[in-house]
Amino acid sequence: MSITLTRAARAFLALPHTATLTTLRPDGTPHVAPVRFTFDPATGLARVTTRAAARKARNVAAGGPAARVALCQADGPRWITLEGRASVGADPVRLAEAVRRYTARYGSAPPAPPDLAVIEITIDRHLSLNV
C-alpha cells in the first residue's frame, strides 16, 4: 500500500536526518532508538539497517506479521511520523537495496556488522507538522 505525501514531505524525508524508531518489546513497552533510514515514496517502504541481534530487530521479529512500528524524523518545529507493519530479515537482495539507498541518502555506507539485517516497514499511516 502506498501513501500519498506532499512534495514538501517527500523532500523533508530525503534530507539526511536521523530519526527515531519505536518498536514494542515482548512485554508491550515501547523501545525507542535513533536510526538512519530510507523511504521510497513510490512503494511506501521504509528501510532501517541494523544488527539482527539489536533490540529493535528482535522486537520486530517477536511481533511476527502483526509487528507495527513508528519512525519519526524531526528538525526543529518540523516533523513527520511514518507508521506501518514491519518485518526483519537478512535476504542478500533486500540488504543490498537497503545499503544502496542508505549510501545514496547519507553519502556513506552503513555499518556492516556480520549479522547485518534490514527492517522493512510498509507505511500505511503518517502524521506531520510544518512539512
Protein backbone atom coordinates (compact mmCIF):
# COMPACT_ATOMS: atom_id res chain seq x y z
CA MET A 1 0.00 0.00 0.00
CA SER A 2 1.42 3.34 -1.00
CA ILE A 3 0.69 6.52 0.94
CA THR A 4 0.26 9.97 -0.54
CA LEU A 5 2.68 12.61 0.71
CA THR A 6 3.04 16.23 -0.27
CA ARG A 7 6.07 17.31 -2.26
CA ALA A 8 7.34 19.11 0.86
CA ALA A 9 7.02 15.92 2.95
CA ARG A 10 8.87 13.85 0.34
CA ALA A 11 11.64 16.48 0.21
CA PHE A 12 11.86 16.52 4.02
CA LEU A 13 12.18 12.72 4.12
CA ALA A 14 15.02 12.90 1.59
CA LEU A 15 17.15 15.09 3.88
CA PRO A 16 19.97 13.18 5.64
CA HIS A 17 18.47 13.41 9.13
CA THR A 18 18.43 10.84 11.90
CA ALA A 19 15.05 9.61 13.10
CA THR A 20 13.71 7.57 15.99
CA LEU A 21 12.29 4.10 15.51
CA THR A 22 9.74 2.96 18.06
CA THR A 23 9.15 -0.78 18.40
CA LEU A 24 7.35 -2.76 21.08
CA ARG A 25 9.18 -5.11 23.41
CA PRO A 26 7.59 -8.51 24.04
CA ASP A 27 6.15 -7.11 27.31
CA GLY A 28 4.39 -4.35 25.33
CA THR A 29 6.57 -1.45 26.48
CA PRO A 30 8.00 0.89 23.83
CA HIS A 31 11.63 0.81 22.79
CA VAL A 32 12.84 3.98 21.04
CA ALA A 33 16.16 4.06 19.19
CA PRO A 34 17.85 6.65 16.98
CA VAL A 35 18.25 5.34 13.43
CA ARG A 36 19.15 6.33 9.93
CA PHE A 37 16.64 5.15 7.35
CA THR A 38 15.47 5.44 3.78
CA PHE A 39 11.99 5.91 2.40
CA ASP A 40 10.72 5.06 -1.06
CA PRO A 41 7.59 7.16 -1.68
CA ALA A 42 6.72 5.16 -4.82
CA THR A 43 6.27 1.94 -2.83
CA GLY A 44 5.68 3.32 0.68
CA LEU A 45 8.57 1.23 2.00
CA ALA A 46 10.99 2.48 4.67
CA ARG A 47 14.19 0.60 5.44
CA VAL A 48 16.44 0.57 8.51
CA THR A 49 19.69 -1.39 8.51
CA THR A 50 20.71 -2.84 11.87
CA ARG A 51 22.24 -5.85 13.56
CA ALA A 52 19.99 -8.90 13.71
CA ALA A 53 20.77 -9.09 17.45
CA ALA A 54 19.77 -5.46 18.10
CA ARG A 55 16.79 -4.94 20.41
CA LYS A 56 14.79 -3.21 17.65
CA ALA A 57 15.28 -6.14 15.26
CA ARG A 58 14.39 -8.66 17.96
CA ASN A 59 11.27 -6.66 18.84
CA VAL A 60 10.11 -6.68 15.22
CA ALA A 61 10.84 -10.40 14.87
CA ALA A 62 8.95 -11.16 18.09
CA GLY A 63 5.93 -9.25 16.81
CA GLY A 64 5.60 -11.51 13.79
CA PRO A 65 3.49 -10.40 10.83
CA ALA A 66 1.45 -8.08 13.06
CA ALA A 67 4.51 -6.08 14.23
CA ARG A 68 3.86 -2.35 13.97
CA VAL A 69 6.45 0.38 14.33
CA ALA A 70 6.70 4.17 14.12
CA LEU A 71 9.55 6.09 12.51
CA CYS A 72 9.77 9.81 13.36
CA GLN A 73 12.07 12.36 11.72
CA ALA A 74 12.20 15.81 13.30
CA ASP A 75 14.05 19.02 12.58
CA GLY A 76 13.16 21.90 14.87
CA PRO A 77 9.43 22.59 14.51
CA ARG A 78 9.10 20.25 11.51
CA TRP A 79 8.42 16.55 11.90
CA ILE A 80 6.87 13.57 10.20
CA THR A 81 5.99 10.19 11.67
CA LEU A 82 5.61 7.17 9.42
CA GLU A 83 3.75 4.14 10.81
CA GLY A 84 3.31 0.65 9.45
CA ARG A 85 3.87 -3.08 9.60
CA ALA A 86 7.47 -4.19 9.88
CA SER A 87 9.50 -7.28 9.13
CA VAL A 88 13.17 -8.05 9.63
CA GLY A 89 15.43 -10.22 7.54
CA ALA A 90 18.85 -10.78 6.03
CA ASP A 91 17.94 -11.62 2.42
CA PRO A 92 21.03 -10.55 0.39
CA VAL A 93 18.96 -8.80 -2.32
CA ARG A 94 16.95 -6.80 0.22
CA LEU A 95 20.10 -5.96 2.19
CA ALA A 96 21.87 -4.77 -0.96
CA GLU A 97 18.93 -2.50 -1.82
CA ALA A 98 18.83 -1.11 1.72
CA VAL A 99 22.59 -0.42 1.67
CA ARG A 100 22.37 1.20 -1.79
CA ARG A 101 19.59 3.54 -0.72
CA TYR A 102 21.29 4.35 2.62
CA THR A 103 24.54 5.19 0.85
CA ALA A 104 22.74 7.46 -1.61
CA ARG A 105 20.90 9.30 1.18
CA TYR A 106 23.71 9.67 3.73
CA GLY A 107 26.78 9.77 1.47
CA SER A 108 28.46 6.72 3.01
CA ALA A 109 27.63 3.08 3.53
CA PRO A 110 26.01 1.98 6.78
CA PRO A 111 27.97 -0.05 9.33
CA ALA A 112 28.38 -3.65 8.13
CA PRO A 113 28.42 -5.99 11.12
CA PRO A 114 28.48 -9.74 10.40
CA ASP A 115 24.81 -10.03 11.40
CA LEU A 116 23.55 -7.14 9.22
CA ALA A 117 19.78 -7.18 8.77
CA VAL A 118 17.17 -4.87 7.35
CA ILE A 119 13.92 -3.81 8.95
CA GLU A 120 11.41 -3.11 6.20
CA ILE A 121 8.35 -1.05 7.10
CA THR A 122 5.31 -0.92 4.85
CA ILE A 123 3.98 2.53 5.64
CA ASP A 124 0.21 2.81 5.94
CA ARG A 125 -0.19 5.96 8.03
CA HIS A 126 1.63 9.23 8.53
CA LEU A 127 1.34 12.33 10.70
CA SER A 128 3.25 15.56 10.26
CA LEU A 129 3.62 19.16 11.29
CA ASN A 130 5.09 22.03 9.27
CA VAL A 131 6.14 19.82 6.33
